[in-house]
């Protein structure tokens, strides 16, 4: 604690675990892209 502000110091053995990022695309976005470009919803979702 320095003048009311807290700082944390951590020591130990470090390891990293990668996360699998799951991309969620909602139906409104798919429809918007499909309507803007004039393609099917499947093509819009792939894009």
ModelCIF file with pLDDT and N, C-alpha, C, O atoms, coordinates in Angstrom:
data_MODEL
#
_entry.id   MODEL 
#
_entity.id                         1 
_entity.type                       polymer 
_entity.pdbx_number_of_molecules   1 
#
_entity_poly.entity_id                      1 
_entity_poly.type                           'polypeptide(L)' 
_entity_poly.nstd_linkage                   no 
_entity_poly.nstd_monomer                   no 
_entity_poly.pdbx_seq_one_letter_code       
;(UNK)(UNK)(UNK)(UNK)(UNK)(UNK)(UNK)(UNK)(UNK)(UNK)(UNK)(UNK)(UNK)(UNK)(UNK)(UNK)
(UNK)(UNK)(UNK)(UNK)(UNK)(UNK)(UNK)(UNK)(UNK)(UNK)(UNK)(UNK)(UNK)(UNK)(UNK)(UNK)
(UNK)(UNK)(UNK)(UNK)(UNK)(UNK)(UNK)(UNK)(UNK)(UNK)(UNK)(UNK)(UNK)(UNK)(UNK)
;
_entity_poly.pdbx_seq_one_letter_code_can   XXXXXXXXXXXXXXXXXXXXXXXXXXXXXXXXXXXXXXXXXXXXXXX 
_entity_poly.pdbx_strand_id                 A 
#
loop_
_entity_poly_seq.entity_id 
_entity_poly_seq.num 
_entity_poly_seq.mon_id 
_entity_poly_seq.hetero 
1 1  UNK n 
1 2  UNK n 
1 3  UNK n 
1 4  UNK n 
1 5  UNK n 
1 6  UNK n 
1 7  UNK n 
1 8  UNK n 
1 9  UNK n 
1 10 UNK n 
1 11 UNK n 
1 12 UNK n 
1 13 UNK n 
1 14 UNK n 
1 15 UNK n 
1 16 UNK n 
1 17 UNK n 
1 18 UNK n 
1 19 UNK n 
1 20 UNK n 
1 21 UNK n 
1 22 UNK n 
1 23 UNK n 
1 24 UNK n 
1 25 UNK n 
1 26 UNK n 
1 27 UNK n 
1 28 UNK n 
1 29 UNK n 
1 30 UNK n 
1 31 UNK n 
1 32 UNK n 
1 33 UNK n 
1 34 UNK n 
1 35 UNK n 
1 36 UNK n 
1 37 UNK n 
1 38 UNK n 
1 39 UNK n 
1 40 UNK n 
1 41 UNK n 
1 42 UNK n 
1 43 UNK n 
1 44 UNK n 
1 45 UNK n 
1 46 UNK n 
1 47 UNK n 
#
_struct_asym.id          A 
_struct_asym.entity_id   1 
#
loop_
_ma_qa_metric.id 
_ma_qa_metric.mode 
_ma_qa_metric.name 
_ma_qa_metric.software_group_id 
_ma_qa_metric.type 
1 global pLDDT . pLDDT 
2 local  pLDDT . pLDDT 
#
_ma_qa_metric_global.metric_id      1 
_ma_qa_metric_global.metric_value   87.49 
_ma_qa_metric_global.model_id       1 
_ma_qa_metric_global.ordinal_id     1 
#
loop_
_ma_qa_metric_local.label_asym_id 
_ma_qa_metric_local.label_comp_id 
_ma_qa_metric_local.label_seq_id 
_ma_qa_metric_local.metric_id 
_ma_qa_metric_local.metric_value 
_ma_qa_metric_local.model_id 
_ma_qa_metric_local.ordinal_id 
A UNK 1  2 86.00 1 1  
A UNK 2  2 82.00 1 2  
A UNK 3  2 80.00 1 3  
A UNK 4  2 82.00 1 4  
A UNK 5  2 87.00 1 5  
A UNK 6  2 90.00 1 6  
A UNK 7  2 91.00 1 7  
A UNK 8  2 92.00 1 8  
A UNK 9  2 91.00 1 9  
A UNK 10 2 93.00 1 10 
A UNK 11 2 92.00 1 11 
A UNK 12 2 93.00 1 12 
A UNK 13 2 94.00 1 13 
A UNK 14 2 95.00 1 14 
A UNK 15 2 95.00 1 15 
A UNK 16 2 95.00 1 16 
A UNK 17 2 93.00 1 17 
A UNK 18 2 91.00 1 18 
A UNK 19 2 86.00 1 19 
A UNK 20 2 81.00 1 20 
A UNK 21 2 75.00 1 21 
A UNK 22 2 76.00 1 22 
A UNK 23 2 78.00 1 23 
A UNK 24 2 82.00 1 24 
A UNK 25 2 85.00 1 25 
A UNK 26 2 83.00 1 26 
A UNK 27 2 87.00 1 27 
A UNK 28 2 89.00 1 28 
A UNK 29 2 88.00 1 29 
A UNK 30 2 87.00 1 30 
A UNK 31 2 89.00 1 31 
A UNK 32 2 88.00 1 32 
A UNK 33 2 87.00 1 33 
A UNK 34 2 88.00 1 34 
A UNK 35 2 88.00 1 35 
A UNK 36 2 86.00 1 36 
A UNK 37 2 85.00 1 37 
A UNK 38 2 87.00 1 38 
A UNK 39 2 89.00 1 39 
A UNK 40 2 89.00 1 40 
A UNK 41 2 88.00 1 41 
A UNK 42 2 88.00 1 42 
A UNK 43 2 89.00 1 43 
A UNK 44 2 88.00 1 44 
A UNK 45 2 88.00 1 45 
A UNK 46 2 88.00 1 46 
A UNK 47 2 88.00 1 47 
#
loop_
_atom_site.group_PDB 
_atom_site.id 
_atom_site.type_symbol 
_atom_site.label_atom_id 
_atom_site.label_alt_id 
_atom_site.label_comp_id 
_atom_site.label_asym_id 
_atom_site.label_entity_id 
_atom_site.label_seq_id 
_atom_site.pdbx_PDB_ins_code 
_atom_site.Cartn_x 
_atom_site.Cartn_y 
_atom_site.Cartn_z 
_atom_site.occupancy 
_atom_site.B_iso_or_equiv 
_atom_site.pdbx_formal_charge 
_atom_site.auth_seq_id 
_atom_site.auth_comp_id 
_atom_site.auth_asym_id 
_atom_site.auth_atom_id 
_atom_site.pdbx_PDB_model_num 
ATOM 1   N N  . UNK A 1 1  ? 0.852   -1.175  0.000   1.00 86.00 ? 1  UNK A N  1 
ATOM 2   C CA . UNK A 1 1  ? 0.000   0.000   0.000   1.00 86.00 ? 1  UNK A CA 1 
ATOM 3   C C  . UNK A 1 1  ? 0.889   1.226   0.000   1.00 86.00 ? 1  UNK A C  1 
ATOM 4   O O  . UNK A 1 1  ? 1.699   1.418   0.907   1.00 86.00 ? 1  UNK A O  1 
ATOM 5   N N  . UNK A 1 2  ? 0.736   2.060   -1.026  1.00 82.00 ? 2  UNK A N  1 
ATOM 6   C CA . UNK A 1 2  ? 1.480   3.303   -1.138  1.00 82.00 ? 2  UNK A CA 1 
ATOM 7   C C  . UNK A 1 2  ? 0.460   4.418   -1.289  1.00 82.00 ? 2  UNK A C  1 
ATOM 8   O O  . UNK A 1 2  ? -0.229  4.513   -2.305  1.00 82.00 ? 2  UNK A O  1 
ATOM 9   N N  . UNK A 1 3  ? 0.373   5.250   -0.283  1.00 80.00 ? 3  UNK A N  1 
ATOM 10  C CA . UNK A 1 3  ? -0.547  6.396   -0.288  1.00 80.00 ? 3  UNK A CA 1 
ATOM 11  C C  . UNK A 1 3  ? -1.963  6.000   -0.710  1.00 80.00 ? 3  UNK A C  1 
ATOM 12  O O  . UNK A 1 3  ? -2.581  6.672   -1.536  1.00 80.00 ? 3  UNK A O  1 
ATOM 13  N N  . UNK A 1 4  ? -2.466  4.916   -0.145  1.00 82.00 ? 4  UNK A N  1 
ATOM 14  C CA . UNK A 1 4  ? -3.838  4.505   -0.386  1.00 82.00 ? 4  UNK A CA 1 
ATOM 15  C C  . UNK A 1 4  ? -4.065  3.667   -1.624  1.00 82.00 ? 4  UNK A C  1 
ATOM 16  O O  . UNK A 1 4  ? -5.198  3.263   -1.888  1.00 82.00 ? 4  UNK A O  1 
ATOM 17  N N  . UNK A 1 5  ? -3.040  3.397   -2.381  1.00 87.00 ? 5  UNK A N  1 
ATOM 18  C CA . UNK A 1 5  ? -3.161  2.585   -3.591  1.00 87.00 ? 5  UNK A CA 1 
ATOM 19  C C  . UNK A 1 5  ? -2.482  1.238   -3.361  1.00 87.00 ? 5  UNK A C  1 
ATOM 20  O O  . UNK A 1 5  ? -1.329  1.177   -2.935  1.00 87.00 ? 5  UNK A O  1 
ATOM 21  N N  . UNK A 1 6  ? -3.217  0.150   -3.651  1.00 90.00 ? 6  UNK A N  1 
ATOM 22  C CA . UNK A 1 6  ? -2.683  -1.192  -3.439  1.00 90.00 ? 6  UNK A CA 1 
ATOM 23  C C  . UNK A 1 6  ? -2.051  -1.752  -4.703  1.00 90.00 ? 6  UNK A C  1 
ATOM 24  O O  . UNK A 1 6  ? -2.596  -1.615  -5.799  1.00 90.00 ? 6  UNK A O  1 
ATOM 25  N N  . UNK A 1 7  ? -0.890  -2.387  -4.538  1.00 91.00 ? 7  UNK A N  1 
ATOM 26  C CA . UNK A 1 7  ? -0.195  -3.082  -5.616  1.00 91.00 ? 7  UNK A CA 1 
ATOM 27  C C  . UNK A 1 7  ? 0.070   -4.505  -5.146  1.00 91.00 ? 7  UNK A C  1 
ATOM 28  O O  . UNK A 1 7  ? 0.530   -4.725  -4.025  1.00 91.00 ? 7  UNK A O  1 
ATOM 29  N N  . UNK A 1 8  ? -0.222  -5.464  -6.011  1.00 92.00 ? 8  UNK A N  1 
ATOM 30  C CA . UNK A 1 8  ? -0.023  -6.870  -5.664  1.00 92.00 ? 8  UNK A CA 1 
ATOM 31  C C  . UNK A 1 8  ? 1.209   -7.408  -6.379  1.00 92.00 ? 8  UNK A C  1 
ATOM 32  O O  . UNK A 1 8  ? 1.412   -7.156  -7.567  1.00 92.00 ? 8  UNK A O  1 
ATOM 33  N N  . UNK A 1 9  ? 2.031   -8.154  -5.637  1.00 91.00 ? 9  UNK A N  1 
ATOM 34  C CA . UNK A 1 9  ? 3.202   -8.812  -6.199  1.00 91.00 ? 9  UNK A CA 1 
ATOM 35  C C  . UNK A 1 9  ? 2.986   -10.306 -6.061  1.00 91.00 ? 9  UNK A C  1 
ATOM 36  O O  . UNK A 1 9  ? 2.717   -10.804 -4.968  1.00 91.00 ? 9  UNK A O  1 
ATOM 37  N N  . UNK A 1 10 ? 3.103   -11.018 -7.172  1.00 93.00 ? 10 UNK A N  1 
ATOM 38  C CA . UNK A 1 10 ? 2.856   -12.460 -7.185  1.00 93.00 ? 10 UNK A CA 1 
ATOM 39  C C  . UNK A 1 10 ? 4.134   -13.167 -7.609  1.00 93.00 ? 10 UNK A C  1 
ATOM 40  O O  . UNK A 1 10 ? 4.743   -12.812 -8.618  1.00 93.00 ? 10 UNK A O  1 
ATOM 41  N N  . UNK A 1 11 ? 4.539   -14.167 -6.836  1.00 92.00 ? 11 UNK A N  1 
ATOM 42  C CA . UNK A 1 11 ? 5.689   -14.987 -7.217  1.00 92.00 ? 11 UNK A CA 1 
ATOM 43  C C  . UNK A 1 11 ? 5.275   -16.453 -7.176  1.00 92.00 ? 11 UNK A C  1 
ATOM 44  O O  . UNK A 1 11 ? 4.438   -16.851 -6.366  1.00 92.00 ? 11 UNK A O  1 
ATOM 45  N N  . UNK A 1 12 ? 5.868   -17.244 -8.052  1.00 93.00 ? 12 UNK A N  1 
ATOM 46  C CA . UNK A 1 12 ? 5.572   -18.666 -8.101  1.00 93.00 ? 12 UNK A CA 1 
ATOM 47  C C  . UNK A 1 12 ? 5.888   -19.237 -9.468  1.00 93.00 ? 12 UNK A C  1 
ATOM 48  O O  . UNK A 1 12 ? 6.474   -18.560 -10.312 1.00 93.00 ? 12 UNK A O  1 
ATOM 49  N N  . UNK A 1 13 ? 5.503   -20.475 -9.683  1.00 94.00 ? 13 UNK A N  1 
ATOM 50  C CA . UNK A 1 13 ? 5.715   -21.153 -10.962 1.00 94.00 ? 13 UNK A CA 1 
ATOM 51  C C  . UNK A 1 13 ? 4.583   -20.793 -11.916 1.00 94.00 ? 13 UNK A C  1 
ATOM 52  O O  . UNK A 1 13 ? 3.406   -20.876 -11.566 1.00 94.00 ? 13 UNK A O  1 
ATOM 53  N N  . UNK A 1 14 ? 4.959   -20.393 -13.123 1.00 95.00 ? 14 UNK A N  1 
ATOM 54  C CA . UNK A 1 14 ? 3.967   -19.907 -14.099 1.00 95.00 ? 14 UNK A CA 1 
ATOM 55  C C  . UNK A 1 14 ? 3.787   -20.921 -15.216 1.00 95.00 ? 14 UNK A C  1 
ATOM 56  O O  . UNK A 1 14 ? 4.746   -21.502 -15.722 1.00 95.00 ? 14 UNK A O  1 
ATOM 57  N N  . UNK A 1 15 ? 2.517   -21.115 -15.586 1.00 95.00 ? 15 UNK A N  1 
ATOM 58  C CA . UNK A 1 15 ? 2.211   -21.887 -16.790 1.00 95.00 ? 15 UNK A CA 1 
ATOM 59  C C  . UNK A 1 15 ? 1.054   -21.194 -17.499 1.00 95.00 ? 15 UNK A C  1 
ATOM 60  O O  . UNK A 1 15 ? 0.240   -20.516 -16.872 1.00 95.00 ? 15 UNK A O  1 
ATOM 61  N N  . UNK A 1 16 ? 0.996   -21.374 -18.796 1.00 95.00 ? 16 UNK A N  1 
ATOM 62  C CA . UNK A 1 16 ? -0.061  -20.760 -19.593 1.00 95.00 ? 16 UNK A CA 1 
ATOM 63  C C  . UNK A 1 16 ? -0.918  -21.840 -20.219 1.00 95.00 ? 16 UNK A C  1 
ATOM 64  O O  . UNK A 1 16 ? -0.421  -22.879 -20.653 1.00 95.00 ? 16 UNK A O  1 
ATOM 65  N N  . UNK A 1 17 ? -2.210  -21.577 -20.257 1.00 93.00 ? 17 UNK A N  1 
ATOM 66  C CA . UNK A 1 17 ? -3.149  -22.478 -20.919 1.00 93.00 ? 17 UNK A CA 1 
ATOM 67  C C  . UNK A 1 17 ? -3.883  -21.677 -21.982 1.00 93.00 ? 17 UNK A C  1 
ATOM 68  O O  . UNK A 1 17 ? -4.541  -20.678 -21.689 1.00 93.00 ? 17 UNK A O  1 
ATOM 69  N N  . UNK A 1 18 ? -3.757  -22.133 -23.219 1.00 91.00 ? 18 UNK A N  1 
ATOM 70  C CA . UNK A 1 18 ? -4.439  -21.462 -24.327 1.00 91.00 ? 18 UNK A CA 1 
ATOM 71  C C  . UNK A 1 18 ? -5.932  -21.744 -24.256 1.00 91.00 ? 18 UNK A C  1 
ATOM 72  O O  . UNK A 1 18 ? -6.352  -22.846 -23.900 1.00 91.00 ? 18 UNK A O  1 
ATOM 73  N N  . UNK A 1 19 ? -6.720  -20.749 -24.595 1.00 86.00 ? 19 UNK A N  1 
ATOM 74  C CA . UNK A 1 19 ? -8.170  -20.924 -24.636 1.00 86.00 ? 19 UNK A CA 1 
ATOM 75  C C  . UNK A 1 19 ? -8.609  -21.079 -26.078 1.00 86.00 ? 19 UNK A C  1 
ATOM 76  O O  . UNK A 1 19 ? -8.045  -20.471 -26.987 1.00 86.00 ? 19 UNK A O  1 
ATOM 77  N N  . UNK A 1 20 ? -9.613  -21.895 -26.268 1.00 81.00 ? 20 UNK A N  1 
ATOM 78  C CA . UNK A 1 20 ? -10.206 -22.015 -27.589 1.00 81.00 ? 20 UNK A CA 1 
ATOM 79  C C  . UNK A 1 20 ? -11.277 -20.936 -27.688 1.00 81.00 ? 20 UNK A C  1 
ATOM 80  O O  . UNK A 1 20 ? -12.243 -20.934 -26.925 1.00 81.00 ? 20 UNK A O  1 
ATOM 81  N N  . UNK A 1 21 ? -11.098 -20.031 -28.622 1.00 75.00 ? 21 UNK A N  1 
ATOM 82  C CA . UNK A 1 21 ? -12.034 -18.931 -28.784 1.00 75.00 ? 21 UNK A CA 1 
ATOM 83  C C  . UNK A 1 21 ? -13.191 -19.396 -29.665 1.00 75.00 ? 21 UNK A C  1 
ATOM 84  O O  . UNK A 1 21 ? -12.995 -19.806 -30.809 1.00 75.00 ? 21 UNK A O  1 
ATOM 85  N N  . UNK A 1 22 ? -14.387 -19.324 -29.115 1.00 76.00 ? 22 UNK A N  1 
ATOM 86  C CA . UNK A 1 22 ? -15.582 -19.728 -29.846 1.00 76.00 ? 22 UNK A CA 1 
ATOM 87  C C  . UNK A 1 22 ? -16.269 -18.467 -30.332 1.00 76.00 ? 22 UNK A C  1 
ATOM 88  O O  . UNK A 1 22 ? -16.695 -17.626 -29.541 1.00 76.00 ? 22 UNK A O  1 
ATOM 89  N N  . UNK A 1 23 ? -16.369 -18.352 -31.641 1.00 78.00 ? 23 UNK A N  1 
ATOM 90  C CA . UNK A 1 23 ? -16.987 -17.179 -32.242 1.00 78.00 ? 23 UNK A CA 1 
ATOM 91  C C  . UNK A 1 23 ? -18.479 -17.422 -32.388 1.00 78.00 ? 23 UNK A C  1 
ATOM 92  O O  . UNK A 1 23 ? -18.905 -18.369 -33.048 1.00 78.00 ? 23 UNK A O  1 
ATOM 93  N N  . UNK A 1 24 ? -19.265 -16.557 -31.766 1.00 82.00 ? 24 UNK A N  1 
ATOM 94  C CA . UNK A 1 24 ? -20.716 -16.668 -31.874 1.00 82.00 ? 24 UNK A CA 1 
ATOM 95  C C  . UNK A 1 24 ? -21.220 -15.544 -32.777 1.00 82.00 ? 24 UNK A C  1 
ATOM 96  O O  . UNK A 1 24 ? -20.994 -14.363 -32.513 1.00 82.00 ? 24 UNK A O  1 
ATOM 97  N N  . UNK A 1 25 ? -21.895 -15.935 -33.827 1.00 85.00 ? 25 UNK A N  1 
ATOM 98  C CA . UNK A 1 25 ? -22.446 -14.956 -34.771 1.00 85.00 ? 25 UNK A CA 1 
ATOM 99  C C  . UNK A 1 25 ? -23.964 -15.042 -34.662 1.00 85.00 ? 25 UNK A C  1 
ATOM 100 O O  . UNK A 1 25 ? -24.555 -16.109 -34.831 1.00 85.00 ? 25 UNK A O  1 
ATOM 101 N N  . UNK A 1 26 ? -24.587 -13.892 -34.374 1.00 83.00 ? 26 UNK A N  1 
ATOM 102 C CA . UNK A 1 26 ? -26.037 -13.933 -34.187 1.00 83.00 ? 26 UNK A CA 1 
ATOM 103 C C  . UNK A 1 26 ? -26.769 -13.839 -35.535 1.00 83.00 ? 26 UNK A C  1 
ATOM 104 O O  . UNK A 1 26 ? -26.205 -13.410 -36.540 1.00 83.00 ? 26 UNK A O  1 
ATOM 105 N N  . UNK A 1 27 ? -28.022 -14.248 -35.521 1.00 87.00 ? 27 UNK A N  1 
ATOM 106 C CA . UNK A 1 27 ? -28.835 -14.305 -36.744 1.00 87.00 ? 27 UNK A CA 1 
ATOM 107 C C  . UNK A 1 27 ? -29.041 -12.937 -37.371 1.00 87.00 ? 27 UNK A C  1 
ATOM 108 O O  . UNK A 1 27 ? -29.141 -12.827 -38.593 1.00 87.00 ? 27 UNK A O  1 
ATOM 109 N N  . UNK A 1 28 ? -29.108 -11.885 -36.548 1.00 89.00 ? 28 UNK A N  1 
ATOM 110 C CA . UNK A 1 28 ? -29.301 -10.533 -37.083 1.00 89.00 ? 28 UNK A CA 1 
ATOM 111 C C  . UNK A 1 28 ? -28.118 -10.120 -37.954 1.00 89.00 ? 28 UNK A C  1 
ATOM 112 O O  . UNK A 1 28 ? -28.306 -9.518  -39.011 1.00 89.00 ? 28 UNK A O  1 
ATOM 113 N N  . UNK A 1 29 ? -26.906 -10.439 -37.516 1.00 88.00 ? 29 UNK A N  1 
ATOM 114 C CA . UNK A 1 29 ? -25.712 -10.108 -38.300 1.00 88.00 ? 29 UNK A CA 1 
ATOM 115 C C  . UNK A 1 29 ? -25.700 -10.883 -39.617 1.00 88.00 ? 29 UNK A C  1 
ATOM 116 O O  . UNK A 1 29 ? -25.349 -10.332 -40.660 1.00 88.00 ? 29 UNK A O  1 
ATOM 117 N N  . UNK A 1 30 ? -26.081 -12.150 -39.569 1.00 87.00 ? 30 UNK A N  1 
ATOM 118 C CA . UNK A 1 30 ? -26.116 -12.978 -40.783 1.00 87.00 ? 30 UNK A CA 1 
ATOM 119 C C  . UNK A 1 30 ? -27.129 -12.398 -41.765 1.00 87.00 ? 30 UNK A C  1 
ATOM 120 O O  . UNK A 1 30 ? -26.840 -12.284 -42.956 1.00 87.00 ? 30 UNK A O  1 
ATOM 121 N N  . UNK A 1 31 ? -28.305 -12.033 -41.279 1.00 89.00 ? 31 UNK A N  1 
ATOM 122 C CA . UNK A 1 31 ? -29.332 -11.458 -42.150 1.00 89.00 ? 31 UNK A CA 1 
ATOM 123 C C  . UNK A 1 31 ? -28.883 -10.130 -42.739 1.00 89.00 ? 31 UNK A C  1 
ATOM 124 O O  . UNK A 1 31 ? -29.115 -9.861  -43.917 1.00 89.00 ? 31 UNK A O  1 
ATOM 125 N N  . UNK A 1 32 ? -28.247 -9.306  -41.929 1.00 88.00 ? 32 UNK A N  1 
ATOM 126 C CA . UNK A 1 32 ? -27.772 -8.004  -42.403 1.00 88.00 ? 32 UNK A CA 1 
ATOM 127 C C  . UNK A 1 32 ? -26.784 -8.171  -43.548 1.00 88.00 ? 32 UNK A C  1 
ATOM 128 O O  . UNK A 1 32 ? -26.913 -7.511  -44.579 1.00 88.00 ? 32 UNK A O  1 
ATOM 129 N N  . UNK A 1 33 ? -25.799 -9.048  -43.377 1.00 87.00 ? 33 UNK A N  1 
ATOM 130 C CA . UNK A 1 33 ? -24.801 -9.282  -44.425 1.00 87.00 ? 33 UNK A CA 1 
ATOM 131 C C  . UNK A 1 33 ? -25.459 -9.879  -45.662 1.00 87.00 ? 33 UNK A C  1 
ATOM 132 O O  . UNK A 1 33 ? -25.177 -9.452  -46.782 1.00 87.00 ? 33 UNK A O  1 
ATOM 133 N N  . UNK A 1 34 ? -26.329 -10.860 -45.471 1.00 88.00 ? 34 UNK A N  1 
ATOM 134 C CA . UNK A 1 34 ? -27.007 -11.502 -46.603 1.00 88.00 ? 34 UNK A CA 1 
ATOM 135 C C  . UNK A 1 34 ? -27.825 -10.484 -47.394 1.00 88.00 ? 34 UNK A C  1 
ATOM 136 O O  . UNK A 1 34 ? -27.788 -10.492 -48.624 1.00 88.00 ? 34 UNK A O  1 
ATOM 137 N N  . UNK A 1 35 ? -28.559 -9.611  -46.712 1.00 88.00 ? 35 UNK A N  1 
ATOM 138 C CA . UNK A 1 35 ? -29.379 -8.601  -47.394 1.00 88.00 ? 35 UNK A CA 1 
ATOM 139 C C  . UNK A 1 35 ? -28.541 -7.528  -48.076 1.00 88.00 ? 35 UNK A C  1 
ATOM 140 O O  . UNK A 1 35 ? -28.887 -7.071  -49.165 1.00 88.00 ? 35 UNK A O  1 
ATOM 141 N N  . UNK A 1 36 ? -27.450 -7.127  -47.450 1.00 86.00 ? 36 UNK A N  1 
ATOM 142 C CA . UNK A 1 36 ? -26.590 -6.087  -48.024 1.00 86.00 ? 36 UNK A CA 1 
ATOM 143 C C  . UNK A 1 36 ? -25.938 -6.538  -49.327 1.00 86.00 ? 36 UNK A C  1 
ATOM 144 O O  . UNK A 1 36 ? -25.818 -5.759  -50.272 1.00 86.00 ? 36 UNK A O  1 
ATOM 145 N N  . UNK A 1 37 ? -25.524 -7.786  -49.370 1.00 85.00 ? 37 UNK A N  1 
ATOM 146 C CA . UNK A 1 37 ? -24.763 -8.291  -50.516 1.00 85.00 ? 37 UNK A CA 1 
ATOM 147 C C  . UNK A 1 37 ? -25.642 -9.093  -51.478 1.00 85.00 ? 37 UNK A C  1 
ATOM 148 O O  . UNK A 1 37 ? -25.288 -9.267  -52.644 1.00 85.00 ? 37 UNK A O  1 
ATOM 149 N N  . UNK A 1 38 ? -26.771 -9.573  -50.999 1.00 87.00 ? 38 UNK A N  1 
ATOM 150 C CA . UNK A 1 38 ? -27.654 -10.365 -51.845 1.00 87.00 ? 38 UNK A CA 1 
ATOM 151 C C  . UNK A 1 38 ? -27.193 -11.803 -51.997 1.00 87.00 ? 38 UNK A C  1 
ATOM 152 O O  . UNK A 1 38 ? -27.211 -12.355 -53.097 1.00 87.00 ? 38 UNK A O  1 
ATOM 153 N N  . UNK A 1 39 ? -26.781 -12.405 -50.893 1.00 89.00 ? 39 UNK A N  1 
ATOM 154 C CA . UNK A 1 39 ? -26.330 -13.800 -50.914 1.00 89.00 ? 39 UNK A CA 1 
ATOM 155 C C  . UNK A 1 39 ? -27.173 -14.590 -49.908 1.00 89.00 ? 39 UNK A C  1 
ATOM 156 O O  . UNK A 1 39 ? -27.952 -14.016 -49.147 1.00 89.00 ? 39 UNK A O  1 
ATOM 157 N N  . UNK A 1 40 ? -27.005 -15.901 -49.917 1.00 89.00 ? 40 UNK A N  1 
ATOM 158 C CA . UNK A 1 40 ? -27.743 -16.743 -48.980 1.00 89.00 ? 40 UNK A CA 1 
ATOM 159 C C  . UNK A 1 40 ? -27.198 -16.555 -47.567 1.00 89.00 ? 40 UNK A C  1 
ATOM 160 O O  . UNK A 1 40 ? -26.091 -16.049 -47.380 1.00 89.00 ? 40 UNK A O  1 
ATOM 161 N N  . UNK A 1 41 ? -27.984 -16.966 -46.582 1.00 88.00 ? 41 UNK A N  1 
ATOM 162 C CA . UNK A 1 41 ? -27.567 -16.854 -45.192 1.00 88.00 ? 41 UNK A CA 1 
ATOM 163 C C  . UNK A 1 41 ? -26.339 -17.714 -44.906 1.00 88.00 ? 41 UNK A C  1 
ATOM 164 O O  . UNK A 1 41 ? -25.496 -17.344 -44.088 1.00 88.00 ? 41 UNK A O  1 
ATOM 165 N N  . UNK A 1 42 ? -26.238 -18.859 -45.577 1.00 88.00 ? 42 UNK A N  1 
ATOM 166 C CA . UNK A 1 42 ? -25.081 -19.739 -45.366 1.00 88.00 ? 42 UNK A CA 1 
ATOM 167 C C  . UNK A 1 42 ? -23.792 -19.066 -45.838 1.00 88.00 ? 42 UNK A C  1 
ATOM 168 O O  . UNK A 1 42 ? -22.763 -19.127 -45.164 1.00 88.00 ? 42 UNK A O  1 
ATOM 169 N N  . UNK A 1 43 ? -23.864 -18.423 -47.011 1.00 89.00 ? 43 UNK A N  1 
ATOM 170 C CA . UNK A 1 43 ? -22.683 -17.719 -47.551 1.00 89.00 ? 43 UNK A CA 1 
ATOM 171 C C  . UNK A 1 43 ? -22.327 -16.556 -46.633 1.00 89.00 ? 43 UNK A C  1 
ATOM 172 O O  . UNK A 1 43 ? -21.152 -16.324 -46.349 1.00 89.00 ? 43 UNK A O  1 
ATOM 173 N N  . UNK A 1 44 ? -23.338 -15.826 -46.168 1.00 88.00 ? 44 UNK A N  1 
ATOM 174 C CA . UNK A 1 44 ? -23.101 -14.694 -45.269 1.00 88.00 ? 44 UNK A CA 1 
ATOM 175 C C  . UNK A 1 44 ? -22.472 -15.165 -43.958 1.00 88.00 ? 44 UNK A C  1 
ATOM 176 O O  . UNK A 1 44 ? -21.562 -14.519 -43.437 1.00 88.00 ? 44 UNK A O  1 
ATOM 177 N N  . UNK A 1 45 ? -22.953 -16.283 -43.428 1.00 88.00 ? 45 UNK A N  1 
ATOM 178 C CA . UNK A 1 45 ? -22.400 -16.815 -42.184 1.00 88.00 ? 45 UNK A CA 1 
ATOM 179 C C  . UNK A 1 45 ? -20.944 -17.231 -42.362 1.00 88.00 ? 45 UNK A C  1 
ATOM 180 O O  . UNK A 1 45 ? -20.116 -16.970 -41.490 1.00 88.00 ? 45 UNK A O  1 
ATOM 181 N N  . UNK A 1 46 ? -20.625 -17.875 -43.484 1.00 88.00 ? 46 UNK A N  1 
ATOM 182 C CA . UNK A 1 46 ? -19.234 -18.268 -43.760 1.00 88.00 ? 46 UNK A CA 1 
ATOM 183 C C  . UNK A 1 46 ? -18.329 -17.044 -43.852 1.00 88.00 ? 46 UNK A C  1 
ATOM 184 O O  . UNK A 1 46 ? -17.211 -17.050 -43.337 1.00 88.00 ? 46 UNK A O  1 
ATOM 185 N N  . UNK A 1 47 ? -18.817 -15.996 -44.509 1.00 88.00 ? 47 UNK A N  1 
ATOM 186 C CA . UNK A 1 47 ? -18.026 -14.769 -44.649 1.00 88.00 ? 47 UNK A CA 1 
ATOM 187 C C  . UNK A 1 47 ? -17.795 -14.128 -43.281 1.00 88.00 ? 47 UNK A C  1 
ATOM 188 O O  . UNK A 1 47 ? -17.149 -13.084 -43.189 1.00 88.00 ? 47 UNK A O  1 
#
